[in-house]
Amino acid sequence: NDFNLFQEPEDYYPPEPEDKVEVFERNPEWVTAGTPSQITVNL
């Protein structure tokens, strides 16, 4: 427990930012049949 005094608490560092998703809407006039009308981009 003495050594634990020199350790940072679990919440000492801010959490890593979470991934986000952006949806790219394709122009319906340009979308070929059988391909998605939206592209889901994970970032």
PDB file of all heavy atoms in Angstrom:
ATOM      1  N   ASN A   1       0.822  -1.209   0.000  1.00  0.00           N
ATOM      2  CA  ASN A   1       0.000   0.000   0.000  1.00  0.00           C
ATOM      3  C   ASN A   1       0.854   1.257   0.000  1.00  0.00           C
ATOM      4  O   ASN A   1       0.468   2.292  -0.533  1.00  0.00           O
ATOM      5  CB  ASN A   1      -0.941   0.005   1.204  1.00  0.00           C
ATOM      6  CG  ASN A   1      -2.076  -0.986   1.041  1.00  0.00           C
ATOM      7  OD1 ASN A   1      -2.426  -1.368  -0.070  1.00  0.00           O
ATOM      8  ND2 ASN A   1      -2.646  -1.428   2.165  1.00  0.00           N
ATOM      9  N   ASP A   2       2.072   1.176   0.631  1.00  0.00           N
ATOM     10  CA  ASP A   2       2.970   2.324   0.614  1.00  0.00           C
ATOM     11  C   ASP A   2       3.375   2.665  -0.815  1.00  0.00           C
ATOM     12  O   ASP A   2       3.395   3.810  -1.229  1.00  0.00           O
ATOM     13  CB  ASP A   2       4.219   2.029   1.437  1.00  0.00           C
ATOM     14  CG  ASP A   2       3.932   2.054   2.945  1.00  0.00           C
ATOM     15  OD1 ASP A   2       2.863   2.568   3.315  1.00  0.00           O
ATOM     16  OD2 ASP A   2       4.779   1.567   3.704  1.00  0.00           O
ATOM     17  N   PHE A   3       3.713   1.626  -1.578  1.00  0.00           N
ATOM     18  CA  PHE A   3       4.096   1.863  -2.970  1.00  0.00           C
ATOM     19  C   PHE A   3       2.933   2.393  -3.789  1.00  0.00           C
ATOM     20  O   PHE A   3       3.117   3.160  -4.715  1.00  0.00           O
ATOM     21  CB  PHE A   3       4.630   0.570  -3.584  1.00  0.00           C
ATOM     22  CG  PHE A   3       5.991   0.193  -3.067  1.00  0.00           C
ATOM     23  CD1 PHE A   3       6.147  -0.851  -2.182  1.00  0.00           C
ATOM     24  CD2 PHE A   3       7.113   0.917  -3.441  1.00  0.00           C
ATOM     25  CE1 PHE A   3       7.412  -1.183  -1.700  1.00  0.00           C
ATOM     26  CE2 PHE A   3       8.377   0.588  -2.966  1.00  0.00           C
ATOM     27  CZ  PHE A   3       8.525  -0.466  -2.083  1.00  0.00           C
ATOM     28  N   ASN A   4       1.720   1.999  -3.450  1.00  0.00           N
ATOM     29  CA  ASN A   4       0.557   2.461  -4.191  1.00  0.00           C
ATOM     30  C   ASN A   4       0.343   3.964  -4.067  1.00  0.00           C
ATOM     31  O   ASN A   4      -0.345   4.570  -4.874  1.00  0.00           O
ATOM     32  CB  ASN A   4      -0.700   1.733  -3.720  1.00  0.00           C
ATOM     33  CG  ASN A   4      -0.723   0.281  -4.168  1.00  0.00           C
ATOM     34  OD1 ASN A   4      -0.023  -0.074  -5.114  1.00  0.00           O
ATOM     35  ND2 ASN A   4      -1.505  -0.544  -3.478  1.00  0.00           N
ATOM     36  N   LEU A   5       0.962   4.573  -3.039  1.00  0.00           N
ATOM     37  CA  LEU A   5       0.844   6.014  -2.871  1.00  0.00           C
ATOM     38  C   LEU A   5       1.447   6.768  -4.054  1.00  0.00           C
ATOM     39  O   LEU A   5       1.082   7.908  -4.333  1.00  0.00           O
ATOM     40  CB  LEU A   5       1.536   6.461  -1.577  1.00  0.00           C
ATOM     41  CG  LEU A   5       0.904   6.004  -0.263  1.00  0.00           C
ATOM     42  CD1 LEU A   5       1.787   6.411   0.904  1.00  0.00           C
ATOM     43  CD2 LEU A   5      -0.485   6.620  -0.100  1.00  0.00           C
ATOM     44  N   PHE A   6       2.388   6.126  -4.753  1.00  0.00           N
ATOM     45  CA  PHE A   6       3.083   6.776  -5.853  1.00  0.00           C
ATOM     46  C   PHE A   6       2.469   6.435  -7.211  1.00  0.00           C
ATOM     47  O   PHE A   6       2.997   6.803  -8.234  1.00  0.00           O
ATOM     48  CB  PHE A   6       4.558   6.374  -5.840  1.00  0.00           C
ATOM     49  CG  PHE A   6       5.259   6.806  -4.585  1.00  0.00           C
ATOM     50  CD1 PHE A   6       5.430   5.913  -3.545  1.00  0.00           C
ATOM     51  CD2 PHE A   6       5.727   8.108  -4.438  1.00  0.00           C
ATOM     52  CE1 PHE A   6       6.063   6.302  -2.386  1.00  0.00           C
ATOM     53  CE2 PHE A   6       6.358   8.498  -3.283  1.00  0.00           C
ATOM     54  CZ  PHE A   6       6.534   7.604  -2.230  1.00  0.00           C
ATOM     55  N   GLN A   7       1.363   5.718  -7.184  1.00  0.00           N
ATOM     56  CA  GLN A   7       0.689   5.366  -8.430  1.00  0.00           C
ATOM     57  C   GLN A   7      -0.489   6.309  -8.667  1.00  0.00           C
ATOM     58  O   GLN A   7      -1.183   6.700  -7.733  1.00  0.00           O
ATOM     59  CB  GLN A   7       0.186   3.922  -8.393  1.00  0.00           C
ATOM     60  CG  GLN A   7       1.294   2.897  -8.303  1.00  0.00           C
ATOM     61  CD  GLN A   7       0.757   1.487  -8.250  1.00  0.00           C
ATOM     62  OE1 GLN A   7      -0.452   1.283  -8.251  1.00  0.00           O
ATOM     63  NE2 GLN A   7       1.660   0.514  -8.208  1.00  0.00           N
ATOM     64  N   GLU A   8      -0.658   6.687  -9.959  1.00  0.00           N
ATOM     65  CA  GLU A   8      -1.770   7.573 -10.282  1.00  0.00           C
ATOM     66  C   GLU A   8      -3.095   6.844 -10.113  1.00  0.00           C
ATOM     67  O   GLU A   8      -3.191   5.645 -10.385  1.00  0.00           O
ATOM     68  CB  GLU A   8      -1.660   8.058 -11.733  1.00  0.00           C
ATOM     69  CG  GLU A   8      -0.451   8.937 -11.999  1.00  0.00           C
ATOM     70  CD  GLU A   8       0.737   8.123 -12.442  1.00  0.00           C
ATOM     71  OE1 GLU A   8       0.640   6.865 -12.405  1.00  0.00           O
ATOM     72  OE2 GLU A   8       1.761   8.729 -12.806  1.00  0.00           O
ATOM     73  N   PRO A   9      -4.116   7.544  -9.664  1.00  0.00           N
ATOM     74  CA  PRO A   9      -5.449   6.931  -9.601  1.00  0.00           C
ATOM     75  C   PRO A   9      -5.897   6.469 -10.976  1.00  0.00           C
ATOM     76  O   PRO A   9      -5.397   6.948 -12.000  1.00  0.00           O
ATOM     77  CB  PRO A   9      -6.345   8.072  -9.080  1.00  0.00           C
ATOM     78  CG  PRO A   9      -5.409   9.064  -8.489  1.00  0.00           C
ATOM     79  CD  PRO A   9      -4.110   8.945  -9.216  1.00  0.00           C
ATOM     80  N   GLU A  10      -6.839   5.554 -11.011  1.00  0.00           N
ATOM     81  CA  GLU A  10      -7.299   5.001 -12.282  1.00  0.00           C
ATOM     82  C   GLU A  10      -7.824   6.079 -13.225  1.00  0.00           C
ATOM     83  O   GLU A  10      -7.717   5.960 -14.438  1.00  0.00           O
ATOM     84  CB  GLU A  10      -8.385   3.950 -12.034  1.00  0.00           C
ATOM     85  CG  GLU A  10      -7.866   2.683 -11.383  1.00  0.00           C
ATOM     86  CD  GLU A  10      -8.949   1.641 -11.242  1.00  0.00           C
ATOM     87  OE1 GLU A  10     -10.069   1.903 -11.720  1.00  0.00           O
ATOM     88  OE2 GLU A  10      -8.692   0.578 -10.655  1.00  0.00           O
ATOM     89  N   ASP A  11      -8.428   7.132 -12.681  1.00  0.00           N
ATOM     90  CA  ASP A  11      -9.008   8.181 -13.518  1.00  0.00           C
ATOM     91  C   ASP A  11      -8.085   9.397 -13.640  1.00  0.00           C
ATOM     92  O   ASP A  11      -8.519  10.491 -13.974  1.00  0.00           O
ATOM     93  CB  ASP A  11     -10.371   8.608 -12.964  1.00  0.00           C
ATOM     94  CG  ASP A  11     -10.284   9.130 -11.523  1.00  0.00           C
ATOM     95  OD1 ASP A  11      -9.187   9.022 -10.918  1.00  0.00           O
ATOM     96  OD2 ASP A  11     -11.298   9.637 -11.024  1.00  0.00           O
ATOM     97  N   TYR A  12      -6.777   9.196 -13.385  1.00  0.00           N
ATOM     98  CA  TYR A  12      -5.835  10.311 -13.425  1.00  0.00           C
ATOM     99  C   TYR A  12      -5.697  10.867 -14.839  1.00  0.00           C
ATOM    100  O   TYR A  12      -5.657  12.075 -15.046  1.00  0.00           O
ATOM    101  CB  TYR A  12      -4.470   9.850 -12.915  1.00  0.00           C
ATOM    102  CG  TYR A  12      -3.421  10.938 -12.865  1.00  0.00           C
ATOM    103  CD1 TYR A  12      -3.384  11.859 -11.819  1.00  0.00           C
ATOM    104  CD2 TYR A  12      -2.455  11.050 -13.874  1.00  0.00           C
ATOM    105  CE1 TYR A  12      -2.424  12.850 -11.766  1.00  0.00           C
ATOM    106  CE2 TYR A  12      -1.491  12.045 -13.836  1.00  0.00           C
ATOM    107  CZ  TYR A  12      -1.486  12.939 -12.779  1.00  0.00           C
ATOM    108  OH  TYR A  12      -0.539  13.929 -12.732  1.00  0.00           O
ATOM    109  N   TYR A  13      -5.615   9.965 -15.832  1.00  0.00           N
ATOM    110  CA  TYR A  13      -5.491  10.387 -17.222  1.00  0.00           C
ATOM    111  C   TYR A  13      -6.875  10.440 -17.871  1.00  0.00           C
ATOM    112  O   TYR A  13      -7.715   9.593 -17.591  1.00  0.00           O
ATOM    113  CB  TYR A  13      -4.599   9.424 -18.008  1.00  0.00           C
ATOM    114  CG  TYR A  13      -3.163   9.435 -17.559  1.00  0.00           C
ATOM    115  CD1 TYR A  13      -2.652   8.406 -16.774  1.00  0.00           C
ATOM    116  CD2 TYR A  13      -2.316  10.488 -17.901  1.00  0.00           C
ATOM    117  CE1 TYR A  13      -1.321   8.416 -16.361  1.00  0.00           C
ATOM    118  CE2 TYR A  13      -0.994  10.508 -17.487  1.00  0.00           C
ATOM    119  CZ  TYR A  13      -0.508   9.472 -16.710  1.00  0.00           C
ATOM    120  OH  TYR A  13       0.794   9.497 -16.298  1.00  0.00           O
ATOM    121  N   PRO A  14      -7.109  11.429 -18.729  1.00  0.00           N
ATOM    122  CA  PRO A  14      -8.416  11.483 -19.416  1.00  0.00           C
ATOM    123  C   PRO A  14      -8.569  10.270 -20.319  1.00  0.00           C
ATOM    124  O   PRO A  14      -7.582   9.750 -20.854  1.00  0.00           O
ATOM    125  CB  PRO A  14      -8.352  12.779 -20.225  1.00  0.00           C
ATOM    126  CG  PRO A  14      -6.884  13.045 -20.404  1.00  0.00           C
ATOM    127  CD  PRO A  14      -6.223  12.521 -19.163  1.00  0.00           C
ATOM    128  N   PRO A  15      -9.783   9.801 -20.520  1.00  0.00           N
ATOM    129  CA  PRO A  15      -9.992   8.638 -21.380  1.00  0.00           C
ATOM    130  C   PRO A  15      -9.669   8.969 -22.835  1.00  0.00           C
ATOM    131  O   PRO A  15      -9.766  10.116 -23.273  1.00  0.00           O
ATOM    132  CB  PRO A  15     -11.488   8.338 -21.211  1.00  0.00           C
ATOM    133  CG  PRO A  15     -12.094   9.640 -20.793  1.00  0.00           C
ATOM    134  CD  PRO A  15     -11.043  10.325 -19.969  1.00  0.00           C
ATOM    135  N   GLU A  16      -9.258   7.943 -23.593  1.00  0.00           N
ATOM    136  CA  GLU A  16      -9.017   8.127 -25.019  1.00  0.00           C
ATOM    137  C   GLU A  16     -10.331   8.490 -25.713  1.00  0.00           C
ATOM    138  O   GLU A  16     -11.375   7.913 -25.415  1.00  0.00           O
ATOM    139  CB  GLU A  16      -8.470   6.836 -25.623  1.00  0.00           C
ATOM    140  CG  GLU A  16      -7.059   6.500 -25.193  1.00  0.00           C
ATOM    141  CD  GLU A  16      -6.047   7.443 -25.831  1.00  0.00           C
ATOM    142  OE1 GLU A  16      -6.305   7.898 -26.955  1.00  0.00           O
ATOM    143  OE2 GLU A  16      -5.022   7.726 -25.184  1.00  0.00           O
ATOM    144  N   PRO A  17     -10.297   9.457 -26.621  1.00  0.00           N
ATOM    145  CA  PRO A  17     -11.527   9.790 -27.352  1.00  0.00           C
ATOM    146  C   PRO A  17     -12.061   8.566 -28.093  1.00  0.00           C
ATOM    147  O   PRO A  17     -11.290   7.778 -28.646  1.00  0.00           O
ATOM    148  CB  PRO A  17     -11.071  10.871 -28.340  1.00  0.00           C
ATOM    149  CG  PRO A  17      -9.807  11.427 -27.769  1.00  0.00           C
ATOM    150  CD  PRO A  17      -9.162  10.292 -27.053  1.00  0.00           C
ATOM    151  N   GLU A  18     -13.353   8.408 -28.086  1.00  0.00           N
ATOM    152  CA  GLU A  18     -13.959   7.263 -28.756  1.00  0.00           C
ATOM    153  C   GLU A  18     -14.002   7.485 -30.263  1.00  0.00           C
ATOM    154  O   GLU A  18     -14.035   8.614 -30.757  1.00  0.00           O
ATOM    155  CB  GLU A  18     -15.384   7.045 -28.223  1.00  0.00           C
ATOM    156  CG  GLU A  18     -15.442   6.641 -26.755  1.00  0.00           C
ATOM    157  CD  GLU A  18     -16.859   6.349 -26.305  1.00  0.00           C
ATOM    158  OE1 GLU A  18     -17.781   6.520 -27.132  1.00  0.00           O
ATOM    159  OE2 GLU A  18     -17.044   5.959 -25.139  1.00  0.00           O
ATOM    160  N   ASP A  19     -14.004   6.370 -31.004  1.00  0.00           N
ATOM    161  CA  ASP A  19     -14.173   6.460 -32.449  1.00  0.00           C
ATOM    162  C   ASP A  19     -15.495   7.141 -32.776  1.00  0.00           C
ATOM    163  O   ASP A  19     -16.434   7.124 -31.964  1.00  0.00           O
ATOM    164  CB  ASP A  19     -14.163   5.069 -33.077  1.00  0.00           C
ATOM    165  CG  ASP A  19     -12.781   4.443 -33.082  1.00  0.00           C
ATOM    166  OD1 ASP A  19     -11.850   5.053 -32.526  1.00  0.00           O
ATOM    167  OD2 ASP A  19     -12.650   3.339 -33.635  1.00  0.00           O
ATOM    168  N   LYS A  20     -15.554   7.735 -33.936  1.00  0.00           N
ATOM    169  CA  LYS A  20     -16.789   8.376 -34.382  1.00  0.00           C
ATOM    170  C   LYS A  20     -17.118   7.900 -35.790  1.00  0.00           C
ATOM    171  O   LYS A  20     -16.244   7.407 -36.507  1.00  0.00           O
ATOM    172  CB  LYS A  20     -16.678   9.895 -34.328  1.00  0.00           C
ATOM    173  CG  LYS A  20     -15.441  10.464 -35.017  1.00  0.00           C
ATOM    174  CD  LYS A  20     -15.313  11.953 -34.759  1.00  0.00           C
ATOM    175  CE  LYS A  20     -14.058  12.537 -35.394  1.00  0.00           C
ATOM    176  NZ  LYS A  20     -12.832  12.101 -34.701  1.00  0.00           N
ATOM    177  N   VAL A  21     -18.361   8.068 -36.165  1.00  0.00           N
ATOM    178  CA  VAL A  21     -18.821   7.615 -37.485  1.00  0.00           C
ATOM    179  C   VAL A  21     -19.387   8.808 -38.236  1.00  0.00           C
ATOM    180  O   VAL A  21     -20.149   9.614 -37.687  1.00  0.00           O
ATOM    181  CB  VAL A  21     -19.895   6.520 -37.350  1.00  0.00           C
ATOM    182  CG1 VAL A  21     -20.491   6.187 -38.718  1.00  0.00           C
ATOM    183  CG2 VAL A  21     -19.303   5.268 -36.716  1.00  0.00           C
ATOM    184  N   GLU A  22     -18.991   8.935 -39.493  1.00  0.00           N
ATOM    185  CA  GLU A  22     -19.557   9.965 -40.359  1.00  0.00           C
ATOM    186  C   GLU A  22     -20.159   9.263 -41.575  1.00  0.00           C
ATOM    187  O   GLU A  22     -19.513   8.398 -42.185  1.00  0.00           O
ATOM    188  CB  GLU A  22     -18.496  10.970 -40.785  1.00  0.00           C
ATOM    189  CG  GLU A  22     -19.080  12.176 -41.497  1.00  0.00           C
ATOM    190  CD  GLU A  22     -18.176  13.391 -41.467  1.00  0.00           C
ATOM    191  OE1 GLU A  22     -17.273  13.458 -40.619  1.00  0.00           O
ATOM    192  OE2 GLU A  22     -18.388  14.281 -42.323  1.00  0.00           O
ATOM    193  N   VAL A  23     -21.379   9.632 -41.912  1.00  0.00           N
ATOM    194  CA  VAL A  23     -22.080   9.018 -43.031  1.00  0.00           C
ATOM    195  C   VAL A  23     -22.014   9.953 -44.229  1.00  0.00           C
ATOM    196  O   VAL A  23     -22.445  11.103 -44.155  1.00  0.00           O
ATOM    197  CB  VAL A  23     -23.539   8.698 -42.673  1.00  0.00           C
ATOM    198  CG1 VAL A  23     -24.274   8.118 -43.890  1.00  0.00           C
ATOM    199  CG2 VAL A  23     -23.599   7.713 -41.513  1.00  0.00           C
ATOM    200  N   PHE A  24     -21.465   9.438 -45.324  1.00  0.00           N
ATOM    201  CA  PHE A  24     -21.374  10.207 -46.565  1.00  0.00           C
ATOM    202  C   PHE A  24     -22.551   9.831 -47.448  1.00  0.00           C
ATOM    203  O   PHE A  24     -22.698   8.675 -47.866  1.00  0.00           O
ATOM    204  CB  PHE A  24     -20.056   9.901 -47.279  1.00  0.00           C
ATOM    205  CG  PHE A  24     -19.923  10.573 -48.620  1.00  0.00           C
ATOM    206  CD1 PHE A  24     -19.668  11.927 -48.714  1.00  0.00           C
ATOM    207  CD2 PHE A  24     -20.055   9.840 -49.798  1.00  0.00           C
ATOM    208  CE1 PHE A  24     -19.538  12.550 -49.955  1.00  0.00           C
ATOM    209  CE2 PHE A  24     -19.937  10.446 -51.036  1.00  0.00           C
ATOM    210  CZ  PHE A  24     -19.680  11.812 -51.109  1.00  0.00           C
ATOM    211  N   GLU A  25     -23.411  10.809 -47.729  1.00  0.00           N
ATOM    212  CA  GLU A  25     -24.595  10.584 -48.554  1.00  0.00           C
ATOM    213  C   GLU A  25     -24.229  10.803 -50.022  1.00  0.00           C
ATOM    214  O   GLU A  25     -23.850  11.901 -50.428  1.00  0.00           O
ATOM    215  CB  GLU A  25     -25.718  11.549 -48.157  1.00  0.00           C
ATOM    216  CG  GLU A  25     -26.197  11.393 -46.724  1.00  0.00           C
ATOM    217  CD  GLU A  25     -27.164  10.233 -46.564  1.00  0.00           C
ATOM    218  OE1 GLU A  25     -27.542   9.631 -47.596  1.00  0.00           O
ATOM    219  OE2 GLU A  25     -27.537   9.939 -45.417  1.00  0.00           O
ATOM    220  N   ARG A  26     -24.324   9.762 -50.813  1.00  0.00           N
ATOM    221  CA  ARG A  26     -24.028   9.877 -52.237  1.00  0.00           C
ATOM    222  C   ARG A  26     -25.217  10.515 -52.964  1.00  0.00           C
ATOM    223  O   ARG A  26     -26.376  10.344 -52.559  1.00  0.00           O
ATOM    224  CB  ARG A  26     -23.719   8.504 -52.822  1.00  0.00           C
ATOM    225  CG  ARG A  26     -22.550   7.814 -52.153  1.00  0.00           C
ATOM    226  CD  ARG A  26     -22.396   6.383 -52.615  1.00  0.00           C
ATOM    227  NE  ARG A  26     -21.975   6.306 -54.022  1.00  0.00           N
ATOM    228  CZ  ARG A  26     -22.017   5.188 -54.739  1.00  0.00           C
ATOM    229  NH1 ARG A  26     -22.507   4.068 -54.207  1.00  0.00           N
ATOM    230  NH2 ARG A  26     -21.609   5.185 -55.993  1.00  0.00           N
ATOM    231  N   ASN A  27     -24.936  11.241 -54.013  1.00  0.00           N
ATOM    232  CA  ASN A  27     -25.989  11.834 -54.837  1.00  0.00           C
ATOM    233  C   ASN A  27     -26.785  10.702 -55.484  1.00  0.00           C
ATOM    234  O   ASN A  27     -26.215   9.875 -56.208  1.00  0.00           O
ATOM    235  CB  ASN A  27     -25.365  12.729 -55.903  1.00  0.00           C
ATOM    236  CG  ASN A  27     -26.391  13.504 -56.696  1.00  0.00           C
ATOM    237  OD1 ASN A  27     -27.442  12.984 -57.052  1.00  0.00           O
ATOM    238  ND2 ASN A  27     -26.080  14.760 -56.995  1.00  0.00           N
ATOM    239  N   PRO A  28     -28.095  10.627 -55.234  1.00  0.00           N
ATOM    240  CA  PRO A  28     -28.895   9.512 -55.772  1.00  0.00           C
ATOM    241  C   PRO A  28     -28.785   9.363 -57.285  1.00  0.00           C
ATOM    242  O   PRO A  28     -28.892   8.253 -57.809  1.00  0.00           O
ATOM    243  CB  PRO A  28     -30.325   9.869 -55.347  1.00  0.00           C
ATOM    244  CG  PRO A  28     -30.169  10.770 -54.171  1.00  0.00           C
ATOM    245  CD  PRO A  28     -28.911  11.548 -54.420  1.00  0.00           C
ATOM    246  N   GLU A  29     -28.551  10.467 -57.991  1.00  0.00           N
ATOM    247  CA  GLU A  29     -28.453  10.405 -59.451  1.00  0.00           C
ATOM    248  C   GLU A  29     -27.200   9.665 -59.912  1.00  0.00           C
ATOM    249  O   GLU A  29     -27.124   9.215 -61.053  1.00  0.00           O
ATOM    250  CB  GLU A  29     -28.448  11.822 -60.027  1.00  0.00           C
ATOM    251  CG  GLU A  29     -29.741  12.594 -59.781  1.00  0.00           C
ATOM    252  CD  GLU A  29     -29.685  13.983 -60.382  1.00  0.00           C
ATOM    253  OE1 GLU A  29     -28.660  14.307 -61.039  1.00  0.00           O
ATOM    254  OE2 GLU A  29     -30.647  14.745 -60.198  1.00  0.00           O
ATOM    255  N   TRP A  30     -26.226   9.527 -59.019  1.00  0.00           N
ATOM    256  CA  TRP A  30     -24.945   8.936 -59.409  1.00  0.00           C
ATOM    257  C   TRP A  30     -24.742   7.532 -58.853  1.00  0.00           C
ATOM    258  O   TRP A  30     -23.711   6.912 -59.128  1.00  0.00           O
ATOM    259  CB  TRP A  30     -23.794   9.830 -58.942  1.00  0.00           C
ATOM    260  CG  TRP A  30     -23.857  11.236 -59.453  1.00  0.00           C
ATOM    261  CD1 TRP A  30     -24.464  11.680 -60.595  1.00  0.00           C
ATOM    262  CD2 TRP A  30     -23.298  12.394 -58.835  1.00  0.00           C
ATOM    263  NE1 TRP A  30     -24.317  13.034 -60.732  1.00  0.00           N
ATOM    264  CE2 TRP A  30     -23.595  13.500 -59.665  1.00  0.00           C
ATOM    265  CE3 TRP A  30     -22.565  12.617 -57.673  1.00  0.00           C
ATOM    266  CZ2 TRP A  30     -23.187  14.804 -59.355  1.00  0.00           C
ATOM    267  CZ3 TRP A  30     -22.155  13.895 -57.368  1.00  0.00           C
ATOM    268  CH2 TRP A  30     -22.470  14.986 -58.203  1.00  0.00           C
ATOM    269  N   VAL A  31     -25.704   7.042 -58.084  1.00  0.00           N
ATOM    270  CA  VAL A  31     -25.531   5.748 -57.426  1.00  0.00           C
ATOM    271  C   VAL A  31     -25.907   4.620 -58.380  1.00  0.00           C
ATOM    272  O   VAL A  31     -27.022   4.577 -58.905  1.00  0.00           O
ATOM    273  CB  VAL A  31     -26.379   5.659 -56.142  1.00  0.00           C
ATOM    274  CG1 VAL A  31     -26.266   4.268 -55.515  1.00  0.00           C
ATOM    275  CG2 VAL A  31     -25.931   6.727 -55.139  1.00  0.00           C
ATOM    276  N   THR A  32     -24.992   3.718 -58.620  1.00  0.00           N
ATOM    277  CA  THR A  32     -25.241   2.563 -59.476  1.00  0.00           C
ATOM    278  C   THR A  32     -26.053   1.526 -58.711  1.00  0.00           C
ATOM    279  O   THR A  32     -25.829   1.304 -57.508  1.00  0.00           O
ATOM    280  CB  THR A  32     -23.914   1.931 -59.924  1.00  0.00           C
ATOM    281  OG1 THR A  32     -23.144   2.933 -60.600  1.00  0.00           O
ATOM    282  CG2 THR A  32     -24.144   0.755 -60.857  1.00  0.00           C
ATOM    283  N   ALA A  33     -27.008   0.909 -59.387  1.00  0.00           N
ATOM    284  CA  ALA A  33     -27.821  -0.129 -58.750  1.00  0.00           C
ATOM    285  C   ALA A  33     -26.931  -1.207 -58.144  1.00  0.00           C
ATOM    286  O   ALA A  33     -25.937  -1.621 -58.741  1.00  0.00           O
ATOM    287  CB  ALA A  33     -28.765  -0.753 -59.780  1.00  0.00           C
ATOM    288  N   GLY A  34     -27.290  -1.620 -56.938  1.00  0.00           N
ATOM    289  CA  GLY A  34     -26.529  -2.654 -56.259  1.00  0.00           C
ATOM    290  C   GLY A  34     -25.399  -2.131 -55.404  1.00  0.00           C
ATOM    291  O   GLY A  34     -24.699  -2.914 -54.757  1.00  0.00           O
ATOM    292  N   THR A  35     -25.186  -0.809 -55.403  1.00  0.00           N
ATOM    293  CA  THR A  35     -24.158  -0.218 -54.542  1.00  0.00           C
ATOM    294  C   THR A  35     -24.835   0.648 -53.485  1.00  0.00           C
ATOM    295  O   THR A  35     -25.961   1.124 -53.688  1.00  0.00           O
ATOM    296  CB  THR A  35     -23.171   0.634 -55.363  1.00  0.00           C
ATOM    297  OG1 THR A  35     -23.854   1.782 -55.909  1.00  0.00           O
ATOM    298  CG2 THR A  35     -22.567  -0.180 -56.492  1.00  0.00           C
ATOM    299  N   PRO A  36     -24.195   0.871 -52.357  1.00  0.00           N
ATOM    300  CA  PRO A  36     -24.844   1.600 -51.261  1.00  0.00           C
ATOM    301  C   PRO A  36     -25.075   3.069 -51.586  1.00  0.00           C
ATOM    302  O   PRO A  36     -24.264   3.702 -52.270  1.00  0.00           O
ATOM    303  CB  PRO A  36     -23.860   1.436 -50.096  1.00  0.00           C
ATOM    304  CG  PRO A  36     -22.545   1.169 -50.741  1.00  0.00           C
ATOM    305  CD  PRO A  36     -22.843   0.402 -51.991  1.00  0.00           C
ATOM    306  N   SER A  37     -26.190   3.594 -51.101  1.00  0.00           N
ATOM    307  CA  SER A  37     -26.477   5.016 -51.270  1.00  0.00           C
ATOM    308  C   SER A  37     -25.743   5.863 -50.232  1.00  0.00           C
ATOM    309  O   SER A  37     -25.633   7.079 -50.379  1.00  0.00           O
ATOM    310  CB  SER A  37     -27.979   5.265 -51.156  1.00  0.00           C
ATOM    311  OG  SER A  37     -28.456   4.864 -49.880  1.00  0.00           O
ATOM    312  N   GLN A  38     -25.238   5.198 -49.200  1.00  0.00           N
ATOM    313  CA  GLN A  38     -24.465   5.858 -48.154  1.00  0.00           C
ATOM    314  C   GLN A  38     -23.161   5.095 -47.945  1.00  0.00           C
ATOM    315  O   GLN A  38     -23.126   3.874 -48.064  1.00  0.00           O
ATOM    316  CB  GLN A  38     -25.216   5.888 -46.818  1.00  0.00           C
ATOM    317  CG  GLN A  38     -26.545   6.597 -46.838  1.00  0.00           C
ATOM    318  CD  GLN A  38     -27.255   6.474 -45.494  1.00  0.00           C
ATOM    319  OE1 GLN A  38     -27.083   5.483 -44.773  1.00  0.00           O
ATOM    320  NE2 GLN A  38     -28.032   7.473 -45.137  1.00  0.00           N
ATOM    321  N   ILE A  39     -22.110   5.838 -47.621  1.00  0.00           N
ATOM    322  CA  ILE A  39     -20.844   5.229 -47.227  1.00  0.00           C
ATOM    323  C   ILE A  39     -20.637   5.573 -45.747  1.00  0.00           C
ATOM    324  O   ILE A  39     -20.607   6.749 -45.379  1.00  0.00           O
ATOM    325  CB  ILE A  39     -19.663   5.754 -48.057  1.00  0.00           C
ATOM    326  CG1 ILE A  39     -19.902   5.531 -49.547  1.00  0.00           C
ATOM    327  CG2 ILE A  39     -18.365   5.105 -47.592  1.00  0.00           C
ATOM    328  CD1 ILE A  39     -19.873   4.097 -49.989  1.00  0.00           C
ATOM    329  N   THR A  40     -20.543   4.543 -44.929  1.00  0.00           N
ATOM    330  CA  THR A  40     -20.343   4.745 -43.499  1.00  0.00           C
ATOM    331  C   THR A  40     -18.851   4.719 -43.197  1.00  0.00           C
ATOM    332  O   THR A  40     -18.185   3.692 -43.385  1.00  0.00           O
ATOM    333  CB  THR A  40     -21.060   3.652 -42.686  1.00  0.00           C
ATOM    334  OG1 THR A  40     -22.445   3.665 -43.017  1.00  0.00           O
ATOM    335  CG2 THR A  40     -20.892   3.889 -41.195  1.00  0.00           C
ATOM    336  N   VAL A  41     -18.329   5.853 -42.742  1.00  0.00           N
ATOM    337  CA  VAL A  41     -16.892   5.993 -42.514  1.00  0.00           C
ATOM    338  C   VAL A  41     -16.621   6.057 -41.020  1.00  0.00           C
ATOM    339  O   VAL A  41     -17.008   7.012 -40.340  1.00  0.00           O
ATOM    340  CB  VAL A  41     -16.340   7.256 -43.206  1.00  0.00           C
ATOM    341  CG1 VAL A  41     -14.828   7.360 -42.992  1.00  0.00           C
ATOM    342  CG2 VAL A  41     -16.675   7.241 -44.695  1.00  0.00           C
ATOM    343  N   ASN A  42     -15.970   5.027 -40.508  1.00  0.00           N
ATOM    344  CA  ASN A  42     -15.530   5.055 -39.115  1.00  0.00           C
ATOM    345  C   ASN A  42     -14.227   5.834 -39.029  1.00  0.00           C
ATOM    346  O   ASN A  42     -13.334   5.681 -39.859  1.00  0.00           O
ATOM    347  CB  ASN A  42     -15.317   3.632 -38.586  1.00  0.00           C
ATOM    348  CG  ASN A  42     -15.143   3.614 -37.078  1.00  0.00           C
ATOM    349  OD1 ASN A  42     -16.114   3.710 -36.342  1.00  0.00           O
ATOM    350  ND2 ASN A  42     -13.903   3.508 -36.602  1.00  0.00           N
ATOM    351  N   LEU A  43     -14.123   6.700 -38.034  1.00  0.00           N
ATOM    352  CA  LEU A  43     -12.941   7.530 -37.843  1.00  0.00           C
ATOM    353  C   LEU A  43     -12.403   7.330 -36.435  1.00  0.00           C
ATOM    354  O   LEU A  43     -13.177   7.223 -35.475  1.00  0.00           O
ATOM    355  CB  LEU A  43     -13.283   9.009 -38.063  1.00  0.00           C
ATOM    356  CG  LEU A  43     -13.801   9.370 -39.460  1.00  0.00           C
ATOM    357  CD1 LEU A  43     -14.445  10.742 -39.440  1.00  0.00           C
ATOM    358  CD2 LEU A  43     -12.667   9.336 -40.472  1.00  0.00           C
TER     359      LEU A  43
END
